[in-house]
C-alpha atoms as a PDB file:
ATOM      1  CA  MET A   1      88.561  74.828 106.345  1.00  0.00           C
ATOM      2  CA  ILE A   2      86.520  76.375 109.111  1.00  0.00           C
ATOM      3  CA  ASN A   3      86.988  74.868 112.560  1.00  0.00           C
ATOM      4  CA  PHE A   4      84.596  74.227 115.437  1.00  0.00           C
ATOM      5  CA  VAL A   5      85.224  77.455 117.356  1.00  0.00           C
ATOM      6  CA  ASN A   6      84.757  79.698 114.324  1.00  0.00           C
ATOM      7  CA  SER A   7      81.566  77.869 113.339  1.00  0.00           C
ATOM      8  CA  PHE A   8      80.223  78.106 116.870  1.00  0.00           C
ATOM      9  CA  PHE A   9      80.992  81.837 116.933  1.00  0.00           C
ATOM     10  CA  LEU A  10      79.222  82.355 113.599  1.00  0.00           C
ATOM     11  CA  ASN A  11      76.149  80.394 114.718  1.00  0.00           C
ATOM     12  CA  ASN A  12      75.917  82.336 117.960  1.00  0.00           C
ATOM     13  CA  LEU A  13      76.315  85.585 116.031  1.00  0.00           C
ATOM     14  CA  ILE A  14      73.323  84.623 113.860  1.00  0.00           C
ATOM     15  CA  PHE A  15      71.368  83.753 117.019  1.00  0.00           C
ATOM     16  CA  ILE A  16      72.220  87.080 118.694  1.00  0.00           C
ATOM     17  CA  LEU A  17      71.362  89.043 115.537  1.00  0.00           C
ATOM     18  CA  GLY A  18      67.937  87.388 115.572  1.00  0.00           C
ATOM     19  CA  PHE A  19      67.393  88.470 119.171  1.00  0.00           C
ATOM     20  CA  ILE A  20      68.528  92.010 118.421  1.00  0.00           C
ATOM     21  CA  GLY A  21      66.187  92.141 115.436  1.00  0.00           C
ATOM     22  CA  MET A  22      63.322  90.865 117.549  1.00  0.00           C
ATOM     23  CA  PHE A  23      63.786  93.479 120.256  1.00  0.00           C
ATOM     24  CA  LEU A  24      64.434  96.417 117.915  1.00  0.00           C
ATOM     25  CA  ASN A  25      61.328  95.823 115.762  1.00  0.00           C
ATOM     26  CA  LYS A  26      58.641  95.403 118.390  1.00  0.00           C
ATOM     27  CA  ASN A  27      56.089  97.423 116.424  1.00  0.00           C
ATOM     28  CA  ASN A  28      56.347  95.484 113.153  1.00  0.00           C
ATOM     29  CA  ILE A  29      55.046  91.962 113.726  1.00  0.00           C
ATOM     30  CA  LEU A  30      56.319  90.673 110.379  1.00  0.00           C
ATOM     31  CA  MET A  31      59.892  91.670 111.169  1.00  0.00           C
ATOM     32  CA  VAL A  32      59.610  90.083 114.611  1.00  0.00           C
ATOM     33  CA  LEU A  33      58.520  86.808 113.047  1.00  0.00           C
ATOM     34  CA  ILE A  34      61.389  86.972 110.542  1.00  0.00           C
ATOM     35  CA  ALA A  35      63.762  87.555 113.458  1.00  0.00           C
ATOM     36  CA  ILE A  36      62.321  84.478 115.177  1.00  0.00           C
ATOM     37  CA  GLU A  37      63.067  82.498 112.017  1.00  0.00           C
ATOM     38  CA  ILE A  38      66.672  83.747 112.176  1.00  0.00           C
ATOM     39  CA  ILE A  39      66.831  82.604 115.803  1.00  0.00           C
ATOM     40  CA  PHE A  40      65.598  79.164 114.711  1.00  0.00           C
ATOM     41  CA  LEU A  41      68.315  79.132 112.044  1.00  0.00           C
ATOM     42  CA  GLY A  42      71.009  79.842 114.620  1.00  0.00           C
ATOM     43  CA  ILE A  43      69.691  77.133 116.922  1.00  0.00           C
ATOM     44  CA  ASN A  44      69.547  74.592 114.102  1.00  0.00           C
ATOM     45  CA  LEU A  45      73.070  75.351 112.975  1.00  0.00           C
ATOM     46  CA  ASN A  46      74.301  74.877 116.552  1.00  0.00           C
ATOM     47  CA  PHE A  47      72.502  71.532 116.791  1.00  0.00           C
ATOM     48  CA  ILE A  48      74.050  70.367 113.532  1.00  0.00           C
ATOM     49  CA  LEU A  49      77.516  71.587 114.483  1.00  0.00           C
ATOM     50  CA  VAL A  50      77.487  69.835 117.858  1.00  0.00           C
ATOM     51  CA  SER A  51      76.022  66.721 116.252  1.00  0.00           C
ATOM     52  CA  ILE A  52      78.873  66.609 113.747  1.00  0.00           C
ATOM     53  CA  PHE A  53      81.448  67.309 116.464  1.00  0.00           C
ATOM     54  CA  PHE A  54      80.217  64.446 118.684  1.00  0.00           C
ATOM     55  CA  ASP A  55      79.455  62.151 115.706  1.00  0.00           C
ATOM     56  CA  ASP A  56      75.838  61.727 116.797  1.00  0.00           C
ATOM     57  CA  ILE A  57      72.656  61.674 114.737  1.00  0.00           C
ATOM     58  CA  ILE A  58      70.332  63.042 117.440  1.00  0.00           C
ATOM     59  CA  GLY A  59      71.169  66.673 116.612  1.00  0.00           C
ATOM     60  CA  HIS A  60      70.216  66.154 112.978  1.00  0.00           C
ATOM     61  CA  ILE A  61      66.910  64.539 113.949  1.00  0.00           C
ATOM     62  CA  PHE A  62      66.111  67.315 116.417  1.00  0.00           C
ATOM     63  CA  THR A  63      66.932  69.868 113.722  1.00  0.00           C
ATOM     64  CA  LEU A  64      64.349  68.263 111.445  1.00  0.00           C
ATOM     65  CA  PHE A  65      61.733  68.622 114.199  1.00  0.00           C
ATOM     66  CA  VAL A  66      62.621  72.287 114.751  1.00  0.00           C
ATOM     67  CA  LEU A  67      62.489  72.915 111.000  1.00  0.00           C
ATOM     68  CA  THR A  68      58.956  71.495 110.812  1.00  0.00           C
ATOM     69  CA  ILE A  69      57.907  73.882 113.573  1.00  0.00           C
ATOM     70  CA  ALA A  70      59.553  76.786 111.726  1.00  0.00           C
ATOM     71  CA  VAL A  71      57.839  75.840 108.454  1.00  0.00           C
ATOM     72  CA  SER A  72      54.446  75.661 110.123  1.00  0.00           C
ATOM     73  CA  GLU A  73      55.093  79.056 111.696  1.00  0.00           C
ATOM     74  CA  SER A  74      55.994  80.477 108.291  1.00  0.00           C
ATOM     75  CA  ALA A  75      52.804  79.040 106.796  1.00  0.00           C
ATOM     76  CA  ILE A  76      50.728  80.693 109.500  1.00  0.00           C
ATOM     77  CA  ILE A  77      52.551  84.000 108.919  1.00  0.00           C
ATOM     78  CA  LEU A  78      51.864  83.852 105.187  1.00  0.00           C
ATOM     79  CA  SER A  79      48.217  83.040 105.777  1.00  0.00           C
ATOM     80  CA  LEU A  80      47.880  86.102 108.017  1.00  0.00           C
ATOM     81  CA  ILE A  81      49.288  88.373 105.333  1.00  0.00           C
END
């Protein structure tokens, strides 16, 4: 079973990879937006992990709000293509 520290490291690695992808692909707007989605994924996983660790539901609720923002961003991206 994976513990809290390993999960936190993995989530932060996903977050950092999103930032690296965003800064390396400044010319391609589609790749930048995909990198932003990866950043959102890392943030959401951190919210869920901390929410499970502290046995609190607020992180799950906040994750749902962030996911709705990410879905609306993806819909706008697809409409631009």
